[in-house]
Amino acid sequence: MKFDYKHFSIDASCLEEGGRYYARAKIFQRTSVADDAREVKWSGDIGDYRSDADAVEAAQRWARQWCDENEH
Protein backbone atom coordinates (compact mmCIF):
# COMPACT_ATOMS: atom_id res chain seq x y z
CA MET A 1 0.00 0.00 0.00
CA LYS A 2 1.49 3.29 -1.08
CA PHE A 3 0.69 6.50 0.75
CA ASP A 4 2.15 9.89 1.62
CA TYR A 5 3.03 10.89 5.16
CA LYS A 6 4.44 14.29 5.96
CA HIS A 7 7.09 14.91 3.26
CA PHE A 8 7.69 11.19 2.68
CA SER A 9 6.16 8.60 0.38
CA ILE A 10 5.77 5.14 1.88
CA ASP A 11 5.34 1.74 0.28
CA ALA A 12 4.13 -0.65 3.00
CA SER A 13 3.79 -4.26 1.93
CA CYS A 14 4.14 -7.85 3.00
CA LEU A 15 5.81 -11.00 1.75
CA GLU A 16 3.84 -14.24 2.11
CA GLU A 17 5.94 -17.29 2.84
CA GLY A 18 4.85 -20.56 4.38
CA GLY A 19 1.50 -19.25 5.57
CA ARG A 20 3.07 -16.28 7.37
CA TYR A 21 3.14 -12.67 6.24
CA TYR A 22 6.28 -10.60 6.75
CA ALA A 23 5.86 -6.84 7.11
CA ARG A 24 8.22 -4.52 5.25
CA ALA A 25 8.32 -0.91 4.14
CA LYS A 26 10.27 1.40 1.87
CA ILE A 27 10.38 5.10 2.64
CA PHE A 28 11.08 7.70 -0.02
CA GLN A 29 11.73 11.40 0.39
CA ARG A 30 10.50 13.76 -2.28
CA THR A 31 13.42 15.80 -3.57
CA SER A 32 11.72 18.38 -5.77
CA VAL A 33 8.47 20.00 -6.67
CA ALA A 34 8.19 17.52 -9.54
CA ASP A 35 7.77 14.76 -6.91
CA ASP A 36 11.04 13.02 -7.75
CA ALA A 37 11.76 10.73 -4.83
CA ARG A 38 14.77 8.89 -3.51
CA GLU A 39 14.69 5.92 -1.20
CA VAL A 40 15.91 6.85 2.26
CA LYS A 41 15.05 3.79 4.33
CA TRP A 42 14.28 0.10 3.78
CA SER A 43 12.92 -1.74 6.79
CA GLY A 44 13.84 -5.27 5.94
CA ASP A 45 11.45 -7.79 7.50
CA ILE A 46 9.82 -6.14 10.51
CA GLY A 47 8.00 -9.19 11.85
CA ASP A 48 5.72 -12.03 10.85
CA TYR A 49 1.94 -11.94 11.07
CA ARG A 50 -1.02 -14.24 10.51
CA SER A 51 -2.62 -12.10 7.80
CA ASP A 52 -1.52 -9.78 5.03
CA ALA A 53 -3.66 -6.97 6.50
CA ASP A 54 -1.90 -7.27 9.89
CA ALA A 55 1.50 -7.23 8.20
CA VAL A 56 0.72 -4.15 6.11
CA GLU A 57 -0.67 -2.36 9.17
CA ALA A 58 2.53 -3.13 11.09
CA ALA A 59 4.64 -1.85 8.18
CA GLN A 60 2.61 1.37 8.08
CA ARG A 61 3.07 1.91 11.85
CA TRP A 62 6.80 1.27 11.60
CA ALA A 63 7.16 3.68 8.67
CA ARG A 64 5.19 6.48 10.35
CA GLN A 65 7.28 6.13 13.50
CA TRP A 66 10.51 6.23 11.49
CA CYS A 67 9.31 9.35 9.66
CA ASP A 68 8.36 11.07 12.93
CA GLU A 69 11.80 10.33 14.40
CA ASN A 70 13.74 11.34 11.27
CA GLU A 71 11.85 14.38 10.01
CA HIS A 72 14.12 17.35 9.37
PDB file of N, CA and C in Angstrom:
ATOM      1  N   MET A   1       0.843  -1.166   0.000  1.00  0.00           N
ATOM      2  CA  MET A   1       0.000   0.000   0.000  1.00  0.00           C
ATOM      3  C   MET A   1       0.895   1.238   0.000  1.00  0.00           C
ATOM      4  N   LYS A   2       0.713   2.061  -0.984  1.00  0.00           N
ATOM      5  CA  LYS A   2       1.495   3.295  -1.085  1.00  0.00           C
ATOM      6  C   LYS A   2       0.677   4.460  -0.552  1.00  0.00           C
ATOM      7  N   PHE A   3       1.354   5.317   0.229  1.00  0.00           N
ATOM      8  CA  PHE A   3       0.687   6.500   0.748  1.00  0.00           C
ATOM      9  C   PHE A   3       1.738   7.548   1.098  1.00  0.00           C
ATOM     10  N   ASP A   4       1.280   8.784   1.233  1.00  0.00           N
ATOM     11  CA  ASP A   4       2.152   9.892   1.623  1.00  0.00           C
ATOM     12  C   ASP A   4       1.955  10.173   3.103  1.00  0.00           C
ATOM     13  N   TYR A   5       3.053  10.524   3.757  1.00  0.00           N
ATOM     14  CA  TYR A   5       3.025  10.886   5.165  1.00  0.00           C
ATOM     15  C   TYR A   5       4.056  11.976   5.374  1.00  0.00           C
ATOM     16  N   LYS A   6       3.585  13.123   5.823  1.00  0.00           N
ATOM     17  CA  LYS A   6       4.444  14.294   5.964  1.00  0.00           C
ATOM     18  C   LYS A   6       5.115  14.569   4.622  1.00  0.00           C
ATOM     19  N   HIS A   7       6.442  14.684   4.552  1.00  0.00           N
ATOM     20  CA  HIS A   7       7.090  14.914   3.257  1.00  0.00           C
ATOM     21  C   HIS A   7       7.744  13.632   2.721  1.00  0.00           C
ATOM     22  N   PHE A   8       7.208  12.493   3.130  1.00  0.00           N
ATOM     23  CA  PHE A   8       7.693  11.189   2.678  1.00  0.00           C
ATOM     24  C   PHE A   8       6.616  10.465   1.881  1.00  0.00           C
ATOM     25  N   SER A   9       7.045   9.556   1.038  1.00  0.00           N
ATOM     26  CA  SER A   9       6.159   8.604   0.385  1.00  0.00           C
ATOM     27  C   SER A   9       6.538   7.233   0.920  1.00  0.00           C
ATOM     28  N   ILE A  10       5.543   6.440   1.245  1.00  0.00           N
ATOM     29  CA  ILE A  10       5.775   5.144   1.880  1.00  0.00           C
ATOM     30  C   ILE A  10       5.137   4.047   1.051  1.00  0.00           C
ATOM     31  N   ASP A  11       5.867   2.951   0.913  1.00  0.00           N
ATOM     32  CA  ASP A  11       5.344   1.741   0.283  1.00  0.00           C
ATOM     33  C   ASP A  11       5.382   0.645   1.338  1.00  0.00           C
ATOM     34  N   ALA A  12       4.249   0.389   1.975  1.00  0.00           N
ATOM     35  CA  ALA A  12       4.130  -0.650   3.003  1.00  0.00           C
ATOM     36  C   ALA A  12       3.568  -1.901   2.344  1.00  0.00           C
ATOM     37  N   SER A  13       4.226  -3.034   2.590  1.00  0.00           N
ATOM     38  CA  SER A  13       3.795  -4.265   1.929  1.00  0.00           C
ATOM     39  C   SER A  13       4.088  -5.457   2.824  1.00  0.00           C
ATOM     40  N   CYS A  14       3.796  -6.636   2.279  1.00  0.00           N
ATOM     41  CA  CYS A  14       4.136  -7.853   2.999  1.00  0.00           C
ATOM     42  C   CYS A  14       4.604  -8.906   2.001  1.00  0.00           C
ATOM     43  N   LEU A  15       5.340  -9.857   2.522  1.00  0.00           N
ATOM     44  CA  LEU A  15       5.809 -10.997   1.754  1.00  0.00           C
ATOM     45  C   LEU A  15       5.190 -12.230   2.380  1.00  0.00           C
ATOM     46  N   GLU A  16       4.459 -13.026   1.590  1.00  0.00           N
ATOM     47  CA  GLU A  16       3.844 -14.239   2.109  1.00  0.00           C
ATOM     48  C   GLU A  16       4.796 -15.395   1.873  1.00  0.00           C
ATOM     49  N   GLU A  17       5.053 -16.132   2.950  1.00  0.00           N
ATOM     50  CA  GLU A  17       5.936 -17.286   2.837  1.00  0.00           C
ATOM     51  C   GLU A  17       5.541 -18.309   3.893  1.00  0.00           C
ATOM     52  N   GLY A  18       5.175 -19.491   3.455  1.00  0.00           N
ATOM     53  CA  GLY A  18       4.845 -20.565   4.381  1.00  0.00           C
ATOM     54  C   GLY A  18       3.658 -20.286   5.284  1.00  0.00           C
ATOM     55  N   GLY A  19       2.685 -19.556   4.772  1.00  0.00           N
ATOM     56  CA  GLY A  19       1.502 -19.250   5.567  1.00  0.00           C
ATOM     57  C   GLY A  19       1.675 -18.098   6.539  1.00  0.00           C
ATOM     58  N   ARG A  20       2.822 -17.454   6.530  1.00  0.00           N
ATOM     59  CA  ARG A  20       3.074 -16.285   7.372  1.00  0.00           C
ATOM     60  C   ARG A  20       3.280 -15.074   6.466  1.00  0.00           C
ATOM     61  N   TYR A  21       3.017 -13.911   6.995  1.00  0.00           N
ATOM     62  CA  TYR A  21       3.141 -12.669   6.237  1.00  0.00           C
ATOM     63  C   TYR A  21       4.165 -11.780   6.934  1.00  0.00           C
ATOM     64  N   TYR A  22       5.179 -11.396   6.200  1.00  0.00           N
ATOM     65  CA  TYR A  22       6.277 -10.603   6.747  1.00  0.00           C
ATOM     66  C   TYR A  22       6.112  -9.141   6.345  1.00  0.00           C
ATOM     67  N   ALA A  23       6.048  -8.270   7.341  1.00  0.00           N
ATOM     68  CA  ALA A  23       5.862  -6.836   7.114  1.00  0.00           C
ATOM     69  C   ALA A  23       7.169  -6.212   6.670  1.00  0.00           C
ATOM     70  N   ARG A  24       7.051  -5.268   5.731  1.00  0.00           N
ATOM     71  CA  ARG A  24       8.218  -4.525   5.253  1.00  0.00           C
ATOM     72  C   ARG A  24       7.759  -3.194   4.680  1.00  0.00           C
ATOM     73  N   ALA A  25       8.671  -2.238   4.657  1.00  0.00           N
ATOM     74  CA  ALA A  25       8.323  -0.911   4.144  1.00  0.00           C
ATOM     75  C   ALA A  25       9.533  -0.260   3.495  1.00  0.00           C
ATOM     76  N   LYS A  26       9.265   0.538   2.484  1.00  0.00           N
ATOM     77  CA  LYS A  26      10.266   1.403   1.871  1.00  0.00           C
ATOM     78  C   LYS A  26       9.783   2.834   2.052  1.00  0.00           C
ATOM     79  N   ILE A  27      10.713   3.694   2.428  1.00  0.00           N
ATOM     80  CA  ILE A  27      10.384   5.099   2.644  1.00  0.00           C
ATOM     81  C   ILE A  27      11.180   5.928   1.643  1.00  0.00           C
ATOM     82  N   PHE A  28      10.481   6.821   0.975  1.00  0.00           N
ATOM     83  CA  PHE A  28      11.082   7.699  -0.021  1.00  0.00           C
ATOM     84  C   PHE A  28      10.884   9.134   0.423  1.00  0.00           C
ATOM     85  N   GLN A  29      11.855   9.972   0.111  1.00  0.00           N
ATOM     86  CA  GLN A  29      11.731  11.401   0.389  1.00  0.00           C
ATOM     87  C   GLN A  29      11.653  12.132  -0.937  1.00  0.00           C
ATOM     88  N   ARG A  30      10.633  12.966  -1.053  1.00  0.00           N
ATOM     89  CA  ARG A  30      10.503  13.755  -2.276  1.00  0.00           C
ATOM     90  C   ARG A  30      11.628  14.781  -2.297  1.00  0.00           C
ATOM     91  N   THR A  31      12.247  14.927  -3.465  1.00  0.00           N
ATOM     92  CA  THR A  31      13.417  15.800  -3.568  1.00  0.00           C
ATOM     93  C   THR A  31      13.167  17.066  -4.371  1.00  0.00           C
ATOM     94  N   SER A  32      12.005  17.175  -4.990  1.00  0.00           N
ATOM     95  CA  SER A  32      11.720  18.380  -5.773  1.00  0.00           C
ATOM     96  C   SER A  32      10.219  18.576  -5.899  1.00  0.00           C
ATOM     97  N   VAL A  33       9.873  19.692  -6.434  1.00  0.00           N
ATOM     98  CA  VAL A  33       8.466  20.001  -6.666  1.00  0.00           C
ATOM     99  C   VAL A  33       7.854  19.007  -7.651  1.00  0.00           C
ATOM    100  N   ALA A  34       8.664  18.471  -8.535  1.00  0.00           N
ATOM    101  CA  ALA A  34       8.186  17.515  -9.544  1.00  0.00           C
ATOM    102  C   ALA A  34       7.937  16.133  -8.946  1.00  0.00           C
ATOM    103  N   ASP A  35       8.024  16.007  -7.614  1.00  0.00           N
ATOM    104  CA  ASP A  35       7.774  14.759  -6.909  1.00  0.00           C
ATOM    105  C   ASP A  35       8.776  13.658  -7.217  1.00  0.00           C
ATOM    106  N   ASP A  36       9.987  14.027  -7.652  1.00  0.00           N
ATOM    107  CA  ASP A  36      11.035  13.020  -7.747  1.00  0.00           C
ATOM    108  C   ASP A  36      11.287  12.538  -6.321  1.00  0.00           C
ATOM    109  N   ALA A  37      11.551  11.267  -6.170  1.00  0.00           N
ATOM    110  CA  ALA A  37      11.760  10.734  -4.830  1.00  0.00           C
ATOM    111  C   ALA A  37      12.969   9.820  -4.820  1.00  0.00           C
ATOM    112  N   ARG A  38      13.654   9.812  -3.673  1.00  0.00           N
ATOM    113  CA  ARG A  38      14.773   8.892  -3.507  1.00  0.00           C
ATOM    114  C   ARG A  38      14.510   8.061  -2.268  1.00  0.00           C
ATOM    115  N   GLU A  39      14.888   6.799  -2.341  1.00  0.00           N
ATOM    116  CA  GLU A  39      14.687   5.915  -1.202  1.00  0.00           C
ATOM    117  C   GLU A  39      15.634   6.328  -0.080  1.00  0.00           C
ATOM    118  N   VAL A  40      15.086   6.468   1.123  1.00  0.00           N
ATOM    119  CA  VAL A  40      15.912   6.851   2.259  1.00  0.00           C
ATOM    120  C   VAL A  40      15.972   5.765   3.333  1.00  0.00           C
ATOM    121  N   LYS A  41      15.039   4.838   3.306  1.00  0.00           N
ATOM    122  CA  LYS A  41      15.046   3.791   4.329  1.00  0.00           C
ATOM    123  C   LYS A  41      14.306   2.562   3.831  1.00  0.00           C
ATOM    124  N   TRP A  42      14.894   1.396   4.077  1.00  0.00           N
ATOM    125  CA  TRP A  42      14.278   0.104   3.781  1.00  0.00           C
ATOM    126  C   TRP A  42      14.233  -0.639   5.093  1.00  0.00           C
ATOM    127  N   SER A  43      13.087  -1.130   5.473  1.00  0.00           N
ATOM    128  CA  SER A  43      12.917  -1.735   6.789  1.00  0.00           C
ATOM    129  C   SER A  43      13.515  -3.124   6.917  1.00  0.00           C
ATOM    130  N   GLY A  44      13.584  -3.849   5.806  1.00  0.00           N
ATOM    131  CA  GLY A  44      13.835  -5.275   5.937  1.00  0.00           C
ATOM    132  C   GLY A  44      12.566  -5.901   6.495  1.00  0.00           C
ATOM    133  N   ASP A  45      12.629  -7.149   6.915  1.00  0.00           N
ATOM    134  CA  ASP A  45      11.446  -7.786   7.496  1.00  0.00           C
ATOM    135  C   ASP A  45      11.264  -7.296   8.923  1.00  0.00           C
ATOM    136  N   ILE A  46      10.107  -6.718   9.209  1.00  0.00           N
ATOM    137  CA  ILE A  46       9.821  -6.141  10.515  1.00  0.00           C
ATOM    138  C   ILE A  46       9.315  -7.204  11.487  1.00  0.00           C
ATOM    139  N   GLY A  47       8.558  -8.123  11.011  1.00  0.00           N
ATOM    140  CA  GLY A  47       8.003  -9.188  11.846  1.00  0.00           C
ATOM    141  C   GLY A  47       7.086 -10.050  11.013  1.00  0.00           C
ATOM    142  N   ASP A  48       6.636 -11.173  11.589  1.00  0.00           N
ATOM    143  CA  ASP A  48       5.719 -12.033  10.847  1.00  0.00           C
ATOM    144  C   ASP A  48       4.345 -12.016  11.514  1.00  0.00           C
ATOM    145  N   TYR A  49       3.328 -12.104  10.649  1.00  0.00           N
ATOM    146  CA  TYR A  49       1.940 -11.940  11.074  1.00  0.00           C
ATOM    147  C   TYR A  49       1.077 -13.010  10.438  1.00  0.00           C
ATOM    148  N   ARG A  50      -0.111 -13.192  10.993  1.00  0.00           N
ATOM    149  CA  ARG A  50      -1.021 -14.240  10.507  1.00  0.00           C
ATOM    150  C   ARG A  50      -1.822 -13.835   9.274  1.00  0.00           C
ATOM    151  N   SER A  51      -1.871 -12.540   8.983  1.00  0.00           N
ATOM    152  CA  SER A  51      -2.618 -12.101   7.799  1.00  0.00           C
ATOM    153  C   SER A  51      -1.855 -10.996   7.083  1.00  0.00           C
ATOM    154  N   ASP A  52      -2.165 -10.844   5.800  1.00  0.00           N
ATOM    155  CA  ASP A  52      -1.524  -9.783   5.031  1.00  0.00           C
ATOM    156  C   ASP A  52      -1.933  -8.412   5.548  1.00  0.00           C
ATOM    157  N   ALA A  53      -3.186  -8.259   5.982  1.00  0.00           N
ATOM    158  CA  ALA A  53      -3.658  -6.974   6.504  1.00  0.00           C
ATOM    159  C   ALA A  53      -2.893  -6.587   7.771  1.00  0.00           C
ATOM    160  N   ASP A  54      -2.663  -7.552   8.666  1.00  0.00           N
ATOM    161  CA  ASP A  54      -1.902  -7.270   9.889  1.00  0.00           C
ATOM    162  C   ASP A  54      -0.470  -6.872   9.560  1.00  0.00           C
ATOM    163  N   ALA A  55       0.123  -7.539   8.591  1.00  0.00           N
ATOM    164  CA  ALA A  55       1.503  -7.233   8.201  1.00  0.00           C
ATOM    165  C   ALA A  55       1.607  -5.837   7.601  1.00  0.00           C
ATOM    166  N   VAL A  56       0.693  -5.479   6.727  1.00  0.00           N
ATOM    167  CA  VAL A  56       0.723  -4.154   6.108  1.00  0.00           C
ATOM    168  C   VAL A  56       0.483  -3.077   7.166  1.00  0.00           C
ATOM    169  N   GLU A  57      -0.425  -3.323   8.093  1.00  0.00           N
ATOM    170  CA  GLU A  57      -0.673  -2.362   9.167  1.00  0.00           C
ATOM    171  C   GLU A  57       0.581  -2.162  10.018  1.00  0.00           C
ATOM    172  N   ALA A  58       1.287  -3.228  10.323  1.00  0.00           N
ATOM    173  CA  ALA A  58       2.531  -3.126  11.094  1.00  0.00           C
ATOM    174  C   ALA A  58       3.587  -2.349  10.317  1.00  0.00           C
ATOM    175  N   ALA A  59       3.681  -2.577   9.021  1.00  0.00           N
ATOM    176  CA  ALA A  59       4.640  -1.851   8.179  1.00  0.00           C
ATOM    177  C   ALA A  59       4.307  -0.360   8.147  1.00  0.00           C
ATOM    178  N   GLN A  60       3.033  -0.033   8.073  1.00  0.00           N
ATOM    179  CA  GLN A  60       2.615   1.370   8.085  1.00  0.00           C
ATOM    180  C   GLN A  60       2.982   2.039   9.405  1.00  0.00           C
ATOM    181  N   ARG A  61       2.717   1.357  10.528  1.00  0.00           N
ATOM    182  CA  ARG A  61       3.065   1.907  11.848  1.00  0.00           C
ATOM    183  C   ARG A  61       4.566   2.138  11.956  1.00  0.00           C
ATOM    184  N   TRP A  62       5.345   1.158  11.537  1.00  0.00           N
ATOM    185  CA  TRP A  62       6.799   1.270  11.602  1.00  0.00           C
ATOM    186  C   TRP A  62       7.266   2.468  10.778  1.00  0.00           C
ATOM    187  N   ALA A  63       6.740   2.606   9.564  1.00  0.00           N
ATOM    188  CA  ALA A  63       7.164   3.685   8.668  1.00  0.00           C
ATOM    189  C   ALA A  63       6.791   5.056   9.238  1.00  0.00           C
ATOM    190  N   ARG A  64       5.591   5.192   9.762  1.00  0.00           N
ATOM    191  CA  ARG A  64       5.187   6.479  10.350  1.00  0.00           C
ATOM    192  C   ARG A  64       6.090   6.838  11.524  1.00  0.00           C
ATOM    193  N   GLN A  65       6.397   5.862  12.362  1.00  0.00           N
ATOM    194  CA  GLN A  65       7.276   6.127  13.502  1.00  0.00           C
ATOM    195  C   GLN A  65       8.662   6.541  13.027  1.00  0.00           C
ATOM    196  N   TRP A  66       9.192   5.864  12.016  1.00  0.00           N
ATOM    197  CA  TRP A  66      10.506   6.225  11.491  1.00  0.00           C
ATOM    198  C   TRP A  66      10.477   7.654  10.955  1.00  0.00           C
ATOM    199  N   CYS A  67       9.431   8.001  10.216  1.00  0.00           N
ATOM    200  CA  CYS A  67       9.309   9.354   9.664  1.00  0.00           C
ATOM    201  C   CYS A  67       9.239  10.396  10.776  1.00  0.00           C
ATOM    202  N   ASP A  68       8.466  10.128  11.812  1.00  0.00           N
ATOM    203  CA  ASP A  68       8.357  11.068  12.925  1.00  0.00           C
ATOM    204  C   ASP A  68       9.710  11.291  13.593  1.00  0.00           C
ATOM    205  N   GLU A  69      10.494  10.235  13.728  1.00  0.00           N
ATOM    206  CA  GLU A  69      11.796  10.332  14.400  1.00  0.00           C
ATOM    207  C   GLU A  69      12.880  10.930  13.509  1.00  0.00           C
ATOM    208  N   ASN A  70      12.692  10.904  12.189  1.00  0.00           N
ATOM    209  CA  ASN A  70      13.739  11.339  11.275  1.00  0.00           C
ATOM    210  C   ASN A  70      13.358  12.530  10.420  1.00  0.00           C
ATOM    211  N   GLU A  71      12.288  13.199  10.759  1.00  0.00           N
ATOM    212  CA  GLU A  71      11.853  14.381  10.009  1.00  0.00           C
ATOM    213  C   GLU A  71      12.814  15.528  10.274  1.00  0.00           C
ATOM    214  N   HIS A  72      13.187  16.217   9.230  1.00  0.00           N
ATOM    215  CA  HIS A  72      14.117  17.346   9.367  1.00  0.00           C
ATOM    216  C   HIS A  72      13.399  18.650   9.195  1.00  0.00           C
TER     217      HIS A  72
END
